[in-house]
Amino acid sequence: MDAGRIEGGTIRRIWAQPLAWPAVALLATVAVAIVAFADLELWLRVPLGLFFLLLCPGMAIVRLLETGDPVADLTLAIALSIALDVIVAGALLYAGAWSPNAALGILMAITVGGVLLETLGGRARRSDPA
């Protein structure tokens, strides 16, 4: 195996780890909350915010589908994240309650809710004998 090349099986093994994605999503959510709500002017603010907004809300929901295909999950997660970003922003604008912090808070709640459903639901599925 070349040093710069990752085998397809390696990605599938990492993807199959039950707590790998929930941990990444929760760490990203906490990091974005600290950077955004504390109004810190860090160089990481934009890349971290983009990572969260483009991946985390959608992935928290897509992982509940259990497709088993990492590429399909990633594609769906990005599309769903963008859709959720637009829906949340549009709903806040339509309600006359636009606030970037409120929009971010709602997206964080969606992410944490999806991660909790995946984690608790996965525990229930693993203990189900049927």
C-alpha atoms as a PDB file:
ATOM      1  CA  MET A   1       0.000   0.000   0.000  1.00  0.00           C
ATOM      2  CA  ASP A   2       1.329   3.425  -0.954  1.00  0.00           C
ATOM      3  CA  ALA A   3       1.800   5.973   1.822  1.00  0.00           C
ATOM      4  CA  GLY A   4      -0.559   8.481   0.174  1.00  0.00           C
ATOM      5  CA  ARG A   5      -3.288   5.995  -0.726  1.00  0.00           C
ATOM      6  CA  ILE A   6      -6.094   4.659   1.470  1.00  0.00           C
ATOM      7  CA  GLU A   7      -7.686   1.351   0.587  1.00  0.00           C
ATOM      8  CA  GLY A   8     -11.476   1.227   0.195  1.00  0.00           C
ATOM      9  CA  GLY A   9     -11.730  -1.322   3.008  1.00  0.00           C
ATOM     10  CA  THR A  10     -10.037   1.073   5.413  1.00  0.00           C
ATOM     11  CA  ILE A  11     -12.682   3.728   4.847  1.00  0.00           C
ATOM     12  CA  ARG A  12     -15.457   1.193   5.346  1.00  0.00           C
ATOM     13  CA  ARG A  13     -13.863  -0.030   8.605  1.00  0.00           C
ATOM     14  CA  ILE A  14     -13.572   3.503   9.953  1.00  0.00           C
ATOM     15  CA  TRP A  15     -17.121   4.283   8.824  1.00  0.00           C
ATOM     16  CA  ALA A  16     -18.430   1.150  10.536  1.00  0.00           C
ATOM     17  CA  GLN A  17     -17.167   2.225  13.971  1.00  0.00           C
ATOM     18  CA  PRO A  18     -20.367   2.861  15.934  1.00  0.00           C
ATOM     19  CA  LEU A  19     -19.106   5.861  17.918  1.00  0.00           C
ATOM     20  CA  ALA A  20     -16.709   7.454  15.420  1.00  0.00           C
ATOM     21  CA  TRP A  21     -19.197   9.740  13.692  1.00  0.00           C
ATOM     22  CA  PRO A  22     -21.218  10.688  16.809  1.00  0.00           C
ATOM     23  CA  ALA A  23     -17.980  11.733  18.526  1.00  0.00           C
ATOM     24  CA  VAL A  24     -16.895  13.854  15.546  1.00  0.00           C
ATOM     25  CA  ALA A  25     -20.337  15.472  15.287  1.00  0.00           C
ATOM     26  CA  LEU A  26     -20.506  16.315  18.983  1.00  0.00           C
ATOM     27  CA  LEU A  27     -16.954  17.681  19.037  1.00  0.00           C
ATOM     28  CA  ALA A  28     -17.694  19.825  15.971  1.00  0.00           C
ATOM     29  CA  THR A  29     -20.922  21.070  17.555  1.00  0.00           C
ATOM     30  CA  VAL A  30     -19.196  22.031  20.796  1.00  0.00           C
ATOM     31  CA  ALA A  31     -16.302  23.684  18.941  1.00  0.00           C
ATOM     32  CA  VAL A  32     -18.642  25.725  16.731  1.00  0.00           C
ATOM     33  CA  ALA A  33     -20.713  26.734  19.751  1.00  0.00           C
ATOM     34  CA  ILE A  34     -17.632  27.963  21.585  1.00  0.00           C
ATOM     35  CA  VAL A  35     -16.261  29.848  18.597  1.00  0.00           C
ATOM     36  CA  ALA A  36     -19.582  31.349  17.475  1.00  0.00           C
ATOM     37  CA  PHE A  37     -21.346  32.139  20.743  1.00  0.00           C
ATOM     38  CA  ALA A  38     -18.224  33.403  22.516  1.00  0.00           C
ATOM     39  CA  ASP A  39     -17.578  35.582  19.434  1.00  0.00           C
ATOM     40  CA  LEU A  40     -13.956  34.478  19.208  1.00  0.00           C
ATOM     41  CA  GLU A  41     -12.000  35.844  16.261  1.00  0.00           C
ATOM     42  CA  LEU A  42     -10.004  32.743  15.372  1.00  0.00           C
ATOM     43  CA  TRP A  43      -8.717  31.682  11.982  1.00  0.00           C
ATOM     44  CA  LEU A  44     -10.544  28.362  12.544  1.00  0.00           C
ATOM     45  CA  ARG A  45     -13.935  30.035  12.702  1.00  0.00           C
ATOM     46  CA  VAL A  46     -14.725  29.850   8.972  1.00  0.00           C
ATOM     47  CA  PRO A  47     -13.397  26.343   8.223  1.00  0.00           C
ATOM     48  CA  LEU A  48     -14.996  24.935  11.368  1.00  0.00           C
ATOM     49  CA  GLY A  49     -18.284  26.670  10.626  1.00  0.00           C
ATOM     50  CA  LEU A  50     -18.312  25.421   7.045  1.00  0.00           C
ATOM     51  CA  PHE A  51     -17.529  21.868   8.148  1.00  0.00           C
ATOM     52  CA  PHE A  52     -20.394  21.985  10.623  1.00  0.00           C
ATOM     53  CA  LEU A  53     -22.938  23.647   8.332  1.00  0.00           C
ATOM     54  CA  LEU A  54     -22.128  21.502   5.289  1.00  0.00           C
ATOM     55  CA  LEU A  55     -21.927  18.124   6.993  1.00  0.00           C
ATOM     56  CA  CYS A  56     -23.078  17.733  10.578  1.00  0.00           C
ATOM     57  CA  PRO A  57     -26.873  18.327  10.526  1.00  0.00           C
ATOM     58  CA  GLY A  58     -27.378  16.162   7.454  1.00  0.00           C
ATOM     59  CA  MET A  59     -25.041  13.392   8.571  1.00  0.00           C
ATOM     60  CA  ALA A  60     -26.792  13.172  11.926  1.00  0.00           C
ATOM     61  CA  ILE A  61     -29.999  12.309  10.050  1.00  0.00           C
ATOM     62  CA  VAL A  62     -28.494  10.265   7.193  1.00  0.00           C
ATOM     63  CA  ARG A  63     -26.721   7.929   9.613  1.00  0.00           C
ATOM     64  CA  LEU A  64     -30.168   6.932  10.924  1.00  0.00           C
ATOM     65  CA  LEU A  65     -30.940   5.462   7.475  1.00  0.00           C
ATOM     66  CA  GLU A  66     -28.088   2.912   7.798  1.00  0.00           C
ATOM     67  CA  THR A  67     -27.400   2.663   4.067  1.00  0.00           C
ATOM     68  CA  GLY A  68     -24.011   1.025   4.615  1.00  0.00           C
ATOM     69  CA  ASP A  69     -22.460   3.006   1.749  1.00  0.00           C
ATOM     70  CA  PRO A  70     -20.083   5.752   2.948  1.00  0.00           C
ATOM     71  CA  VAL A  71     -20.080   7.601  -0.388  1.00  0.00           C
ATOM     72  CA  ALA A  72     -23.881   7.683  -0.570  1.00  0.00           C
ATOM     73  CA  ASP A  73     -24.069   8.749   3.073  1.00  0.00           C
ATOM     74  CA  LEU A  74     -21.601  11.594   2.501  1.00  0.00           C
ATOM     75  CA  THR A  75     -23.403  12.792  -0.628  1.00  0.00           C
ATOM     76  CA  LEU A  76     -26.807  12.691   1.034  1.00  0.00           C
ATOM     77  CA  ALA A  77     -25.455  14.349   4.177  1.00  0.00           C
ATOM     78  CA  ILE A  78     -24.053  17.336   2.275  1.00  0.00           C
ATOM     79  CA  ALA A  79     -27.272  17.778   0.276  1.00  0.00           C
ATOM     80  CA  LEU A  80     -29.459  17.414   3.361  1.00  0.00           C
ATOM     81  CA  SER A  81     -27.271  19.769   5.392  1.00  0.00           C
ATOM     82  CA  ILE A  82     -27.576  22.489   2.766  1.00  0.00           C
ATOM     83  CA  ALA A  83     -31.335  21.917   2.592  1.00  0.00           C
ATOM     84  CA  LEU A  84     -31.682  22.101   6.381  1.00  0.00           C
ATOM     85  CA  ASP A  85     -29.558  25.281   6.487  1.00  0.00           C
ATOM     86  CA  VAL A  86     -31.839  26.926   3.933  1.00  0.00           C
ATOM     87  CA  ILE A  87     -35.067  25.680   5.567  1.00  0.00           C
ATOM     88  CA  VAL A  88     -34.039  26.913   9.022  1.00  0.00           C
ATOM     89  CA  ALA A  89     -32.906  30.303   7.700  1.00  0.00           C
ATOM     90  CA  GLY A  90     -36.038  30.678   5.575  1.00  0.00           C
ATOM     91  CA  ALA A  91     -38.347  29.768   8.447  1.00  0.00           C
ATOM     92  CA  LEU A  92     -36.668  32.290  10.743  1.00  0.00           C
ATOM     93  CA  LEU A  93     -36.868  34.985   8.069  1.00  0.00           C
ATOM     94  CA  TYR A  94     -40.509  34.200   7.352  1.00  0.00           C
ATOM     95  CA  ALA A  95     -41.326  34.333  11.074  1.00  0.00           C
ATOM     96  CA  GLY A  96     -39.598  37.711  11.372  1.00  0.00           C
ATOM     97  CA  ALA A  97     -37.174  36.270  13.917  1.00  0.00           C
ATOM     98  CA  TRP A  98     -33.944  36.175  11.905  1.00  0.00           C
ATOM     99  CA  SER A  99     -30.880  35.648  14.040  1.00  0.00           C
ATOM    100  CA  PRO A 100     -27.717  33.876  12.920  1.00  0.00           C
ATOM    101  CA  ASN A 101     -27.208  32.603  16.464  1.00  0.00           C
ATOM    102  CA  ALA A 102     -30.751  31.213  16.573  1.00  0.00           C
ATOM    103  CA  ALA A 103     -30.262  29.481  13.221  1.00  0.00           C
ATOM    104  CA  LEU A 104     -26.999  27.970  14.412  1.00  0.00           C
ATOM    105  CA  GLY A 105     -28.625  26.879  17.667  1.00  0.00           C
ATOM    106  CA  ILE A 106     -31.446  25.130  15.797  1.00  0.00           C
ATOM    107  CA  LEU A 107     -28.966  23.342  13.527  1.00  0.00           C
ATOM    108  CA  MET A 108     -26.952  22.304  16.581  1.00  0.00           C
ATOM    109  CA  ALA A 109     -30.110  20.923  18.192  1.00  0.00           C
ATOM    110  CA  ILE A 110     -30.867  18.926  15.022  1.00  0.00           C
ATOM    111  CA  THR A 111     -27.324  17.544  15.044  1.00  0.00           C
ATOM    112  CA  VAL A 112     -27.328  16.594  18.723  1.00  0.00           C
ATOM    113  CA  GLY A 113     -30.821  15.091  18.393  1.00  0.00           C
ATOM    114  CA  GLY A 114     -29.761  12.956  15.435  1.00  0.00           C
ATOM    115  CA  VAL A 115     -26.618  11.813  17.225  1.00  0.00           C
ATOM    116  CA  LEU A 116     -28.619  10.874  20.326  1.00  0.00           C
ATOM    117  CA  LEU A 117     -31.153   8.956  18.227  1.00  0.00           C
ATOM    118  CA  GLU A 118     -28.350   7.105  16.448  1.00  0.00           C
ATOM    119  CA  THR A 119     -26.513   6.292  19.656  1.00  0.00           C
ATOM    120  CA  LEU A 120     -29.535   5.257  21.721  1.00  0.00           C
ATOM    121  CA  GLY A 121     -31.291   3.576  18.803  1.00  0.00           C
ATOM    122  CA  GLY A 122     -28.136   1.668  17.909  1.00  0.00           C
ATOM    123  CA  ARG A 123     -27.865   0.410  21.465  1.00  0.00           C
ATOM    124  CA  ALA A 124     -31.474  -0.802  21.296  1.00  0.00           C
ATOM    125  CA  ARG A 125     -30.893  -2.523  17.908  1.00  0.00           C
ATOM    126  CA  ARG A 126     -27.746  -4.276  19.131  1.00  0.00           C
ATOM    127  CA  SER A 127     -29.573  -5.678  22.161  1.00  0.00           C
ATOM    128  CA  ASP A 128     -32.601  -6.807  20.098  1.00  0.00           C
ATOM    129  CA  PRO A 129     -32.292 -10.593  19.502  1.00  0.00           C
ATOM    130  CA  ALA A 130     -34.589 -10.592  16.439  1.00  0.00           C
END
